[in-house]
Amino acid sequence: MYSWKSYDIFSSMFLAEYHDTVLYDVLHQIVAFLLFPINCSCKTLCQCDDFRERVILTLNVTLYINDEKAKKSPAFLNNIRFLLRIPEPKHFRENFHKAYPLWLIKEDFRIRDKDNYFKGIESFVWKLLRSDNTDETLPFRKSSAIAKEEKNETVLLRRPLKTNVIKFQKKDDSTSGKISEKRFDTYKSICHFIAAYEFMKREKGQEWQFSLNQPDQVQRFLDIAYWFRKSLLSLKTGGDKENILFSEEDLVPLPAWVQDNEIDIPIEPFDNKVHEPVLAS
């Protein structure tokens, strides 16, 4: 499971002084998760760890350059260079050919947005939350009932719980919220980030993660992601209060200082149409 131990070497006073920079650093790491998930589907020669580091470095260097252009003090620049893990200039001269360019990061998200790549994940997250909030049992079924219905029309994500499973469609259908087991398994650990991403995208526009230039908006995204994670961790299966659907290890945590700040997102019950969630003011 991913941890945020890289911040442990800094004092609480230092992190408080450079809070805005830390916010962006956390956001950049989440952006890397969205592009190259931890539980990737690579079968051989996986380079996702390396690509994540390249994406983070590109975004952090861009942030550093912007602070340089803003003529921040040398002491400030030196401290955030250390905080953002930016190497010496020699490193860039020797490894420039390995860079993951900013334009490619934006293009990756543009393509995903155009193809509604994350929409099925977000829709399934809402389906889970609505199931827990109503008497509607979809997407939960007793395994015996599922066995009768399957007939090559569904595949099952088998949880550690033997009495309950989650029902998936064989083929992805992002617009209807139906996703394959493989797709959800790949993004399960970061599904709360995806839900927050789609939520913010509706509020801020298609390229919200690059147009957010206010730290309070980055904080808002992190708070919303925290709310989704907390809500998913509270889900129970089959009405059994002892059976949780997600464990702490299943979902990538946020830094300990991130809270939901009393954000309340209404969970509307199932209906004949898909509801667009609205953040309560």
C-alpha atoms as a PDB file:
ATOM      1  CA  MET A   1       0.000   0.000   0.000  1.00  0.00           C
ATOM      2  CA  TYR A   2       1.226   3.484  -0.871  1.00  0.00           C
ATOM      3  CA  SER A   3       2.358   5.694   1.985  1.00  0.00           C
ATOM      4  CA  TRP A   4       3.301   9.343   2.340  1.00  0.00           C
ATOM      5  CA  LYS A   5       6.418   8.744   4.406  1.00  0.00           C
ATOM      6  CA  SER A   6       8.459  11.127   2.261  1.00  0.00           C
ATOM      7  CA  TYR A   7       7.008  13.937   4.376  1.00  0.00           C
ATOM      8  CA  ASP A   8       8.126  12.352   7.634  1.00  0.00           C
ATOM      9  CA  ILE A   9      11.612  13.846   7.335  1.00  0.00           C
ATOM     10  CA  PHE A  10      10.183  17.368   7.597  1.00  0.00           C
ATOM     11  CA  SER A  11       9.038  19.069  10.763  1.00  0.00           C
ATOM     12  CA  SER A  12       5.391  20.041  11.172  1.00  0.00           C
ATOM     13  CA  MET A  13       6.455  23.700  11.216  1.00  0.00           C
ATOM     14  CA  PHE A  14       8.272  23.316   7.891  1.00  0.00           C
ATOM     15  CA  LEU A  15       5.295  21.586   6.267  1.00  0.00           C
ATOM     16  CA  ALA A  16       2.955  24.270   7.593  1.00  0.00           C
ATOM     17  CA  GLU A  17       5.169  27.005   6.158  1.00  0.00           C
ATOM     18  CA  TYR A  18       5.176  25.354   2.734  1.00  0.00           C
ATOM     19  CA  HIS A  19       1.646  24.009   2.917  1.00  0.00           C
ATOM     20  CA  ASP A  20       0.639  25.164  -0.581  1.00  0.00           C
ATOM     21  CA  THR A  21       3.641  23.435  -2.141  1.00  0.00           C
ATOM     22  CA  VAL A  22       2.814  20.228  -0.275  1.00  0.00           C
ATOM     23  CA  LEU A  23      -0.766  20.393  -1.580  1.00  0.00           C
ATOM     24  CA  TYR A  24       0.456  20.509  -5.157  1.00  0.00           C
ATOM     25  CA  ASP A  25       2.985  17.745  -4.560  1.00  0.00           C
ATOM     26  CA  VAL A  26       0.214  15.461  -3.253  1.00  0.00           C
ATOM     27  CA  LEU A  27      -1.986  16.382  -6.222  1.00  0.00           C
ATOM     28  CA  HIS A  28       0.831  15.580  -8.646  1.00  0.00           C
ATOM     29  CA  GLN A  29       1.299  12.154  -7.105  1.00  0.00           C
ATOM     30  CA  ILE A  30      -2.423  11.461  -7.490  1.00  0.00           C
ATOM     31  CA  VAL A  31      -2.275  12.600 -11.128  1.00  0.00           C
ATOM     32  CA  ALA A  32       0.474  10.017 -11.638  1.00  0.00           C
ATOM     33  CA  PHE A  33      -1.754   7.338 -10.034  1.00  0.00           C
ATOM     34  CA  LEU A  34      -4.553   8.158 -12.462  1.00  0.00           C
ATOM     35  CA  LEU A  35      -2.271   7.798 -15.477  1.00  0.00           C
ATOM     36  CA  PHE A  36      -0.328   4.787 -14.201  1.00  0.00           C
ATOM     37  CA  PRO A  37      -2.309   2.940 -11.501  1.00  0.00           C
ATOM     38  CA  ILE A  38      -0.554   0.979  -8.786  1.00  0.00           C
ATOM     39  CA  ASN A  39      -2.355  -2.256  -9.669  1.00  0.00           C
ATOM     40  CA  CYS A  40      -1.556  -1.984 -13.357  1.00  0.00           C
ATOM     41  CA  SER A  41      -2.442  -4.649 -15.894  1.00  0.00           C
ATOM     42  CA  CYS A  42       1.078  -4.911 -17.302  1.00  0.00           C
ATOM     43  CA  LYS A  43       2.089  -8.529 -17.721  1.00  0.00           C
ATOM     44  CA  THR A  44       5.797  -8.179 -18.453  1.00  0.00           C
ATOM     45  CA  LEU A  45       8.435  -5.463 -18.325  1.00  0.00           C
ATOM     46  CA  CYS A  46       6.218  -3.108 -16.338  1.00  0.00           C
ATOM     47  CA  GLN A  47       7.512   0.478 -16.285  1.00  0.00           C
ATOM     48  CA  CYS A  48       4.586   2.062 -14.456  1.00  0.00           C
ATOM     49  CA  ASP A  49       6.620   2.892 -11.341  1.00  0.00           C
ATOM     50  CA  ASP A  50       9.177   4.667 -13.498  1.00  0.00           C
ATOM     51  CA  PHE A  51       6.537   6.525 -15.496  1.00  0.00           C
ATOM     52  CA  ARG A  52       4.811   7.679 -12.309  1.00  0.00           C
ATOM     53  CA  GLU A  53       8.083   9.159 -11.077  1.00  0.00           C
ATOM     54  CA  ARG A  54       8.602  10.932 -14.409  1.00  0.00           C
ATOM     55  CA  VAL A  55       5.102  12.437 -14.328  1.00  0.00           C
ATOM     56  CA  ILE A  56       5.569  13.658 -10.755  1.00  0.00           C
ATOM     57  CA  LEU A  57       8.966  15.148 -11.582  1.00  0.00           C
ATOM     58  CA  THR A  58       7.586  16.985 -14.627  1.00  0.00           C
ATOM     59  CA  LEU A  59       4.718  18.505 -12.685  1.00  0.00           C
ATOM     60  CA  ASN A  60       6.912  19.419  -9.721  1.00  0.00           C
ATOM     61  CA  VAL A  61       9.574  20.992 -11.927  1.00  0.00           C
ATOM     62  CA  THR A  62       6.851  23.008 -13.672  1.00  0.00           C
ATOM     63  CA  LEU A  63       5.667  24.235 -10.268  1.00  0.00           C
ATOM     64  CA  TYR A  64       9.246  25.115  -9.300  1.00  0.00           C
ATOM     65  CA  ILE A  65       9.814  27.044 -12.538  1.00  0.00           C
ATOM     66  CA  ASN A  66       6.630  29.028 -11.982  1.00  0.00           C
ATOM     67  CA  ASP A  67       7.888  29.993  -8.526  1.00  0.00           C
ATOM     68  CA  GLU A  68      11.198  31.023 -10.079  1.00  0.00           C
ATOM     69  CA  LYS A  69       9.375  33.234 -12.557  1.00  0.00           C
ATOM     70  CA  ALA A  70       7.443  34.751  -9.663  1.00  0.00           C
ATOM     71  CA  LYS A  71      10.830  35.756  -8.235  1.00  0.00           C
ATOM     72  CA  LYS A  72      10.457  33.904  -4.962  1.00  0.00           C
ATOM     73  CA  SER A  73      13.393  34.226  -2.570  1.00  0.00           C
ATOM     74  CA  PRO A  74      16.448  31.971  -2.993  1.00  0.00           C
ATOM     75  CA  ALA A  75      15.766  30.432   0.438  1.00  0.00           C
ATOM     76  CA  PHE A  76      12.187  29.595  -0.573  1.00  0.00           C
ATOM     77  CA  LEU A  77      13.289  28.066  -3.870  1.00  0.00           C
ATOM     78  CA  ASN A  78      16.005  26.023  -2.203  1.00  0.00           C
ATOM     79  CA  ASN A  79      13.571  24.625   0.359  1.00  0.00           C
ATOM     80  CA  ILE A  80      10.854  23.666  -2.113  1.00  0.00           C
ATOM     81  CA  ARG A  81      13.426  22.081  -4.417  1.00  0.00           C
ATOM     82  CA  PHE A  82      14.268  19.768  -1.530  1.00  0.00           C
ATOM     83  CA  LEU A  83      10.589  19.277  -0.672  1.00  0.00           C
ATOM     84  CA  LEU A  84       9.667  18.478  -4.283  1.00  0.00           C
ATOM     85  CA  ARG A  85      12.621  16.120  -4.699  1.00  0.00           C
ATOM     86  CA  ILE A  86      14.024  17.984  -7.684  1.00  0.00           C
ATOM     87  CA  PRO A  87      17.510  16.686  -8.596  1.00  0.00           C
ATOM     88  CA  GLU A  88      20.572  18.686  -9.545  1.00  0.00           C
ATOM     89  CA  PRO A  89      20.827  20.195 -13.081  1.00  0.00           C
ATOM     90  CA  LYS A  90      23.289  17.463 -14.058  1.00  0.00           C
ATOM     91  CA  HIS A  91      20.515  14.894 -13.696  1.00  0.00           C
ATOM     92  CA  PHE A  92      18.400  16.678 -16.305  1.00  0.00           C
ATOM     93  CA  ARG A  93      21.300  16.958 -18.740  1.00  0.00           C
ATOM     94  CA  GLU A  94      21.918  13.226 -18.494  1.00  0.00           C
ATOM     95  CA  ASN A  95      18.292  12.119 -18.546  1.00  0.00           C
ATOM     96  CA  PHE A  96      16.459  14.682 -20.655  1.00  0.00           C
ATOM     97  CA  HIS A  97      15.568  11.983 -23.205  1.00  0.00           C
ATOM     98  CA  LYS A  98      13.613  10.121 -20.513  1.00  0.00           C
ATOM     99  CA  ALA A  99      11.399  13.078 -19.603  1.00  0.00           C
ATOM    100  CA  TYR A 100       7.617  12.737 -19.612  1.00  0.00           C
ATOM    101  CA  PRO A 101       6.633  16.080 -21.186  1.00  0.00           C
ATOM    102  CA  LEU A 102       3.882  18.266 -19.788  1.00  0.00           C
ATOM    103  CA  TRP A 103       2.037  18.345 -23.120  1.00  0.00           C
ATOM    104  CA  LEU A 104       1.841  14.527 -23.078  1.00  0.00           C
ATOM    105  CA  ILE A 105       0.381  14.490 -19.557  1.00  0.00           C
ATOM    106  CA  LYS A 106      -2.316  16.896 -20.725  1.00  0.00           C
ATOM    107  CA  GLU A 107      -2.924  14.853 -23.860  1.00  0.00           C
ATOM    108  CA  ASP A 108      -3.250  11.655 -21.825  1.00  0.00           C
ATOM    109  CA  PHE A 109      -6.014  13.244 -19.770  1.00  0.00           C
ATOM    110  CA  ARG A 110      -7.654  14.784 -22.829  1.00  0.00           C
ATOM    111  CA  ILE A 111      -7.948  11.353 -24.445  1.00  0.00           C
ATOM    112  CA  ARG A 112      -9.268   9.768 -21.253  1.00  0.00           C
ATOM    113  CA  ASP A 113     -11.845  12.509 -20.879  1.00  0.00           C
ATOM    114  CA  LYS A 114     -12.904  12.236 -24.518  1.00  0.00           C
ATOM    115  CA  ASP A 115     -13.338   8.469 -24.191  1.00  0.00           C
ATOM    116  CA  ASN A 116     -15.058   8.708 -20.780  1.00  0.00           C
ATOM    117  CA  TYR A 117     -12.345   6.348 -19.611  1.00  0.00           C
ATOM    118  CA  PHE A 118     -12.962   6.903 -15.901  1.00  0.00           C
ATOM    119  CA  LYS A 119     -16.726   7.321 -16.107  1.00  0.00           C
ATOM    120  CA  GLY A 120     -17.507   3.653 -15.514  1.00  0.00           C
ATOM    121  CA  ILE A 121     -15.369   3.603 -12.365  1.00  0.00           C
ATOM    122  CA  GLU A 122     -17.067   6.713 -10.992  1.00  0.00           C
ATOM    123  CA  SER A 123     -20.538   5.390 -11.845  1.00  0.00           C
ATOM    124  CA  PHE A 124     -19.788   2.122 -10.076  1.00  0.00           C
ATOM    125  CA  VAL A 125     -18.554   3.978  -6.981  1.00  0.00           C
ATOM    126  CA  TRP A 126     -21.861   5.853  -6.864  1.00  0.00           C
ATOM    127  CA  LYS A 127     -23.743   2.595  -7.391  1.00  0.00           C
ATOM    128  CA  LEU A 128     -21.985   1.138  -4.366  1.00  0.00           C
ATOM    129  CA  LEU A 129     -22.752   4.185  -2.236  1.00  0.00           C
ATOM    130  CA  ARG A 130     -26.401   4.266  -3.322  1.00  0.00           C
ATOM    131  CA  SER A 131     -26.776   0.550  -2.620  1.00  0.00           C
ATOM    132  CA  ASP A 132     -25.721   1.162   0.962  1.00  0.00           C
ATOM    133  CA  ASN A 133     -28.076   4.130   1.228  1.00  0.00           C
ATOM    134  CA  THR A 134     -31.247   2.391   0.016  1.00  0.00           C
ATOM    135  CA  ASP A 135     -33.007  -0.947   0.077  1.00  0.00           C
ATOM    136  CA  GLU A 136     -31.779  -1.610  -3.466  1.00  0.00           C
ATOM    137  CA  THR A 137     -29.524  -4.676  -3.510  1.00  0.00           C
ATOM    138  CA  LEU A 138     -27.774  -4.077  -6.839  1.00  0.00           C
ATOM    139  CA  PRO A 139     -24.800  -4.534  -7.263  1.00  0.00           C
ATOM    140  CA  PHE A 140     -24.781  -7.083  -4.397  1.00  0.00           C
ATOM    141  CA  ARG A 141     -26.123 -10.587  -4.859  1.00  0.00           C
ATOM    142  CA  LYS A 142     -25.880 -13.760  -2.856  1.00  0.00           C
ATOM    143  CA  SER A 143     -23.356 -15.962  -4.598  1.00  0.00           C
ATOM    144  CA  SER A 144     -25.960 -18.704  -5.106  1.00  0.00           C
ATOM    145  CA  ALA A 145     -28.258 -16.297  -6.929  1.00  0.00           C
ATOM    146  CA  ILE A 146     -25.408 -15.019  -9.062  1.00  0.00           C
ATOM    147  CA  ALA A 147     -24.527 -18.537 -10.134  1.00  0.00           C
ATOM    148  CA  LYS A 148     -28.021 -18.989 -11.561  1.00  0.00           C
ATOM    149  CA  GLU A 149     -27.910 -15.686 -13.444  1.00  0.00           C
ATOM    150  CA  GLU A 150     -24.406 -15.761 -14.796  1.00  0.00           C
ATOM    151  CA  LYS A 151     -24.633 -17.779 -18.042  1.00  0.00           C
ATOM    152  CA  ASN A 152     -21.647 -15.992 -19.596  1.00  0.00           C
ATOM    153  CA  GLU A 153     -23.291 -12.589 -19.132  1.00  0.00           C
ATOM    154  CA  THR A 154     -21.340 -11.521 -16.084  1.00  0.00           C
ATOM    155  CA  VAL A 155     -18.018 -12.082 -14.434  1.00  0.00           C
ATOM    156  CA  LEU A 156     -17.426 -11.966 -10.707  1.00  0.00           C
ATOM    157  CA  LEU A 157     -14.960 -10.066  -8.606  1.00  0.00           C
ATOM    158  CA  ARG A 158     -14.559 -12.523  -5.766  1.00  0.00           C
ATOM    159  CA  ARG A 159     -14.029 -10.840  -2.442  1.00  0.00           C
ATOM    160  CA  PRO A 160     -12.560 -12.537   0.642  1.00  0.00           C
ATOM    161  CA  LEU A 161     -16.159 -12.852   1.851  1.00  0.00           C
ATOM    162  CA  LYS A 162     -17.593 -16.170   0.696  1.00  0.00           C
ATOM    163  CA  THR A 163     -21.245 -15.217   0.915  1.00  0.00           C
ATOM    164  CA  ASN A 164     -21.181 -12.062  -1.195  1.00  0.00           C
ATOM    165  CA  VAL A 165     -19.730 -10.972  -4.510  1.00  0.00           C
ATOM    166  CA  ILE A 166     -19.876  -7.943  -6.752  1.00  0.00           C
ATOM    167  CA  LYS A 167     -21.481  -8.253 -10.163  1.00  0.00           C
ATOM    168  CA  PHE A 168     -19.674  -6.919 -13.230  1.00  0.00           C
ATOM    169  CA  GLN A 169     -20.471  -6.810 -16.904  1.00  0.00           C
ATOM    170  CA  LYS A 170     -18.103  -8.566 -19.271  1.00  0.00           C
ATOM    171  CA  LYS A 171     -17.566  -5.532 -21.481  1.00  0.00           C
ATOM    172  CA  ASP A 172     -16.841  -1.962 -20.454  1.00  0.00           C
ATOM    173  CA  ASP A 173     -19.603   0.544 -21.108  1.00  0.00           C
ATOM    174  CA  SER A 174     -18.396   3.852 -19.655  1.00  0.00           C
ATOM    175  CA  THR A 175     -21.526   5.804 -20.483  1.00  0.00           C
ATOM    176  CA  SER A 176     -23.788   3.394 -18.604  1.00  0.00           C
ATOM    177  CA  GLY A 177     -21.406   2.854 -15.724  1.00  0.00           C
ATOM    178  CA  LYS A 178     -20.855  -0.843 -16.489  1.00  0.00           C
ATOM    179  CA  ILE A 179     -17.257  -1.941 -16.140  1.00  0.00           C
ATOM    180  CA  SER A 180     -15.318  -5.146 -16.409  1.00  0.00           C
ATOM    181  CA  GLU A 181     -13.754  -6.913 -13.464  1.00  0.00           C
ATOM    182  CA  LYS A 182     -10.299  -6.271 -14.928  1.00  0.00           C
ATOM    183  CA  ARG A 183     -10.906  -2.526 -15.275  1.00  0.00           C
ATOM    184  CA  PHE A 184     -12.172  -2.174 -11.715  1.00  0.00           C
ATOM    185  CA  ASP A 185      -9.431  -4.381 -10.288  1.00  0.00           C
ATOM    186  CA  THR A 186      -6.863  -2.105 -11.948  1.00  0.00           C
ATOM    187  CA  TYR A 187      -8.320   1.075 -10.480  1.00  0.00           C
ATOM    188  CA  LYS A 188      -9.935  -0.204  -7.281  1.00  0.00           C
ATOM    189  CA  SER A 189      -7.191   1.135  -5.005  1.00  0.00           C
ATOM    190  CA  ILE A 190      -7.600   4.665  -6.424  1.00  0.00           C
ATOM    191  CA  CYS A 191     -11.319   4.630  -7.259  1.00  0.00           C
ATOM    192  CA  HIS A 192     -11.937   7.385  -4.677  1.00  0.00           C
ATOM    193  CA  PHE A 193      -9.467   9.624  -6.535  1.00  0.00           C
ATOM    194  CA  ILE A 194     -11.247   8.868  -9.814  1.00  0.00           C
ATOM    195  CA  ALA A 195     -14.620   9.727  -8.275  1.00  0.00           C
ATOM    196  CA  ALA A 196     -13.197  13.018  -6.958  1.00  0.00           C
ATOM    197  CA  TYR A 197     -11.585  13.689 -10.354  1.00  0.00           C
ATOM    198  CA  GLU A 198     -14.882  13.289 -12.210  1.00  0.00           C
ATOM    199  CA  PHE A 199     -16.664  15.331  -9.543  1.00  0.00           C
ATOM    200  CA  MET A 200     -14.221  18.209  -9.896  1.00  0.00           C
ATOM    201  CA  LYS A 201     -14.232  17.906 -13.680  1.00  0.00           C
ATOM    202  CA  ARG A 202     -17.937  18.689 -13.708  1.00  0.00           C
ATOM    203  CA  GLU A 203     -17.324  21.700 -11.484  1.00  0.00           C
ATOM    204  CA  LYS A 204     -14.155  23.092 -13.034  1.00  0.00           C
ATOM    205  CA  GLY A 205     -14.020  21.903 -16.629  1.00  0.00           C
ATOM    206  CA  GLN A 206     -12.282  19.218 -18.625  1.00  0.00           C
ATOM    207  CA  GLU A 207      -8.712  20.095 -17.623  1.00  0.00           C
ATOM    208  CA  TRP A 208      -9.358  21.019 -14.037  1.00  0.00           C
ATOM    209  CA  GLN A 209      -6.141  19.518 -12.652  1.00  0.00           C
ATOM    210  CA  PHE A 210      -4.089  21.893 -14.789  1.00  0.00           C
ATOM    211  CA  SER A 211      -6.328  24.942 -14.471  1.00  0.00           C
ATOM    212  CA  LEU A 212      -6.451  24.823 -10.688  1.00  0.00           C
ATOM    213  CA  ASN A 213      -4.085  27.588  -9.685  1.00  0.00           C
ATOM    214  CA  GLN A 214      -5.461  28.187  -6.234  1.00  0.00           C
ATOM    215  CA  PRO A 215      -4.317  26.033  -3.291  1.00  0.00           C
ATOM    216  CA  ASP A 216      -7.800  26.105  -1.775  1.00  0.00           C
ATOM    217  CA  GLN A 217      -9.118  24.356  -4.891  1.00  0.00           C
ATOM    218  CA  VAL A 218      -6.458  21.654  -4.585  1.00  0.00           C
ATOM    219  CA  GLN A 219      -7.461  21.282  -0.929  1.00  0.00           C
ATOM    220  CA  ARG A 220     -11.079  20.946  -2.043  1.00  0.00           C
ATOM    221  CA  PHE A 221     -10.195  18.064  -4.362  1.00  0.00           C
ATOM    222  CA  LEU A 222      -8.285  16.281  -1.587  1.00  0.00           C
ATOM    223  CA  ASP A 223     -11.180  16.800   0.829  1.00  0.00           C
ATOM    224  CA  ILE A 224     -13.636  15.326  -1.675  1.00  0.00           C
ATOM    225  CA  ALA A 225     -11.337  12.346  -2.299  1.00  0.00           C
ATOM    226  CA  TYR A 226     -11.167  11.850   1.476  1.00  0.00           C
ATOM    227  CA  TRP A 227     -14.973  11.874   1.666  1.00  0.00           C
ATOM    228  CA  PHE A 228     -15.270   9.213  -1.037  1.00  0.00           C
ATOM    229  CA  ARG A 229     -12.663   7.007   0.646  1.00  0.00           C
ATOM    230  CA  LYS A 230     -14.331   7.348   4.055  1.00  0.00           C
ATOM    231  CA  SER A 231     -17.725   6.545   2.553  1.00  0.00           C
ATOM    232  CA  LEU A 232     -16.438   3.461   0.720  1.00  0.00           C
ATOM    233  CA  LEU A 233     -14.706   2.173   3.853  1.00  0.00           C
ATOM    234  CA  SER A 234     -18.021   2.357   5.709  1.00  0.00           C
ATOM    235  CA  LEU A 235     -19.849   0.058   3.270  1.00  0.00           C
ATOM    236  CA  LYS A 236     -21.125  -3.288   4.529  1.00  0.00           C
ATOM    237  CA  THR A 237     -22.204  -6.284   2.463  1.00  0.00           C
ATOM    238  CA  GLY A 238     -25.353  -8.347   2.621  1.00  0.00           C
ATOM    239  CA  GLY A 239     -26.670  -6.483   5.638  1.00  0.00           C
ATOM    240  CA  ASP A 240     -24.027  -8.092   7.829  1.00  0.00           C
ATOM    241  CA  LYS A 241     -22.481  -5.354   9.951  1.00  0.00           C
ATOM    242  CA  GLU A 242     -19.315  -7.394  10.370  1.00  0.00           C
ATOM    243  CA  ASN A 243     -18.669  -7.727   6.626  1.00  0.00           C
ATOM    244  CA  ILE A 244     -16.905  -4.698   5.198  1.00  0.00           C
ATOM    245  CA  LEU A 245     -16.560  -4.283   1.455  1.00  0.00           C
ATOM    246  CA  PHE A 246     -13.259  -2.345   1.466  1.00  0.00           C
ATOM    247  CA  SER A 247     -10.470  -2.530   4.009  1.00  0.00           C
ATOM    248  CA  GLU A 248      -7.997   0.239   4.791  1.00  0.00           C
ATOM    249  CA  GLU A 249      -5.412  -1.612   2.696  1.00  0.00           C
ATOM    250  CA  ASP A 250      -7.693  -1.706  -0.349  1.00  0.00           C
ATOM    251  CA  LEU A 251      -7.797   2.058  -0.898  1.00  0.00           C
ATOM    252  CA  VAL A 252      -4.746   4.309  -1.150  1.00  0.00           C
ATOM    253  CA  PRO A 253      -4.843   6.674   1.848  1.00  0.00           C
ATOM    254  CA  LEU A 254      -4.304  10.399   1.859  1.00  0.00           C
ATOM    255  CA  PRO A 255      -1.772  12.157   4.086  1.00  0.00           C
ATOM    256  CA  ALA A 256      -2.887  12.194   7.709  1.00  0.00           C
ATOM    257  CA  TRP A 257      -3.533  15.944   7.653  1.00  0.00           C
ATOM    258  CA  VAL A 258      -6.177  15.656   4.895  1.00  0.00           C
ATOM    259  CA  GLN A 259      -9.736  15.592   6.257  1.00  0.00           C
ATOM    260  CA  ASP A 260     -13.137  16.087   4.643  1.00  0.00           C
ATOM    261  CA  ASN A 261     -13.668  19.414   6.423  1.00  0.00           C
ATOM    262  CA  GLU A 262     -17.319  18.493   7.017  1.00  0.00           C
ATOM    263  CA  ILE A 263     -18.007  18.197   3.286  1.00  0.00           C
ATOM    264  CA  ASP A 264     -21.373  16.515   2.732  1.00  0.00           C
ATOM    265  CA  ILE A 265     -22.179  15.064  -0.688  1.00  0.00           C
ATOM    266  CA  PRO A 266     -25.793  13.899  -0.967  1.00  0.00           C
ATOM    267  CA  ILE A 267     -26.172  10.237  -1.954  1.00  0.00           C
ATOM    268  CA  GLU A 268     -29.375  10.071  -3.963  1.00  0.00           C
ATOM    269  CA  PRO A 269     -31.328   6.785  -4.112  1.00  0.00           C
ATOM    270  CA  PHE A 270     -31.569   4.675  -7.261  1.00  0.00           C
ATOM    271  CA  ASP A 271     -33.905   5.943  -9.919  1.00  0.00           C
ATOM    272  CA  ASN A 272     -34.694   5.265 -13.549  1.00  0.00           C
ATOM    273  CA  LYS A 273     -32.032   7.721 -14.601  1.00  0.00           C
ATOM    274  CA  VAL A 274     -28.505   8.514 -13.495  1.00  0.00           C
ATOM    275  CA  HIS A 275     -28.309  11.401 -11.035  1.00  0.00           C
ATOM    276  CA  GLU A 276     -25.474  13.863 -11.165  1.00  0.00           C
ATOM    277  CA  PRO A 277     -24.251  14.324  -7.592  1.00  0.00           C
ATOM    278  CA  VAL A 278     -24.179  17.875  -6.294  1.00  0.00           C
ATOM    279  CA  LEU A 279     -21.893  19.056  -3.528  1.00  0.00           C
ATOM    280  CA  ALA A 280     -23.863  20.524  -0.647  1.00  0.00           C
ATOM    281  CA  SER A 281     -22.891  24.064   0.223  1.00  0.00           C
END
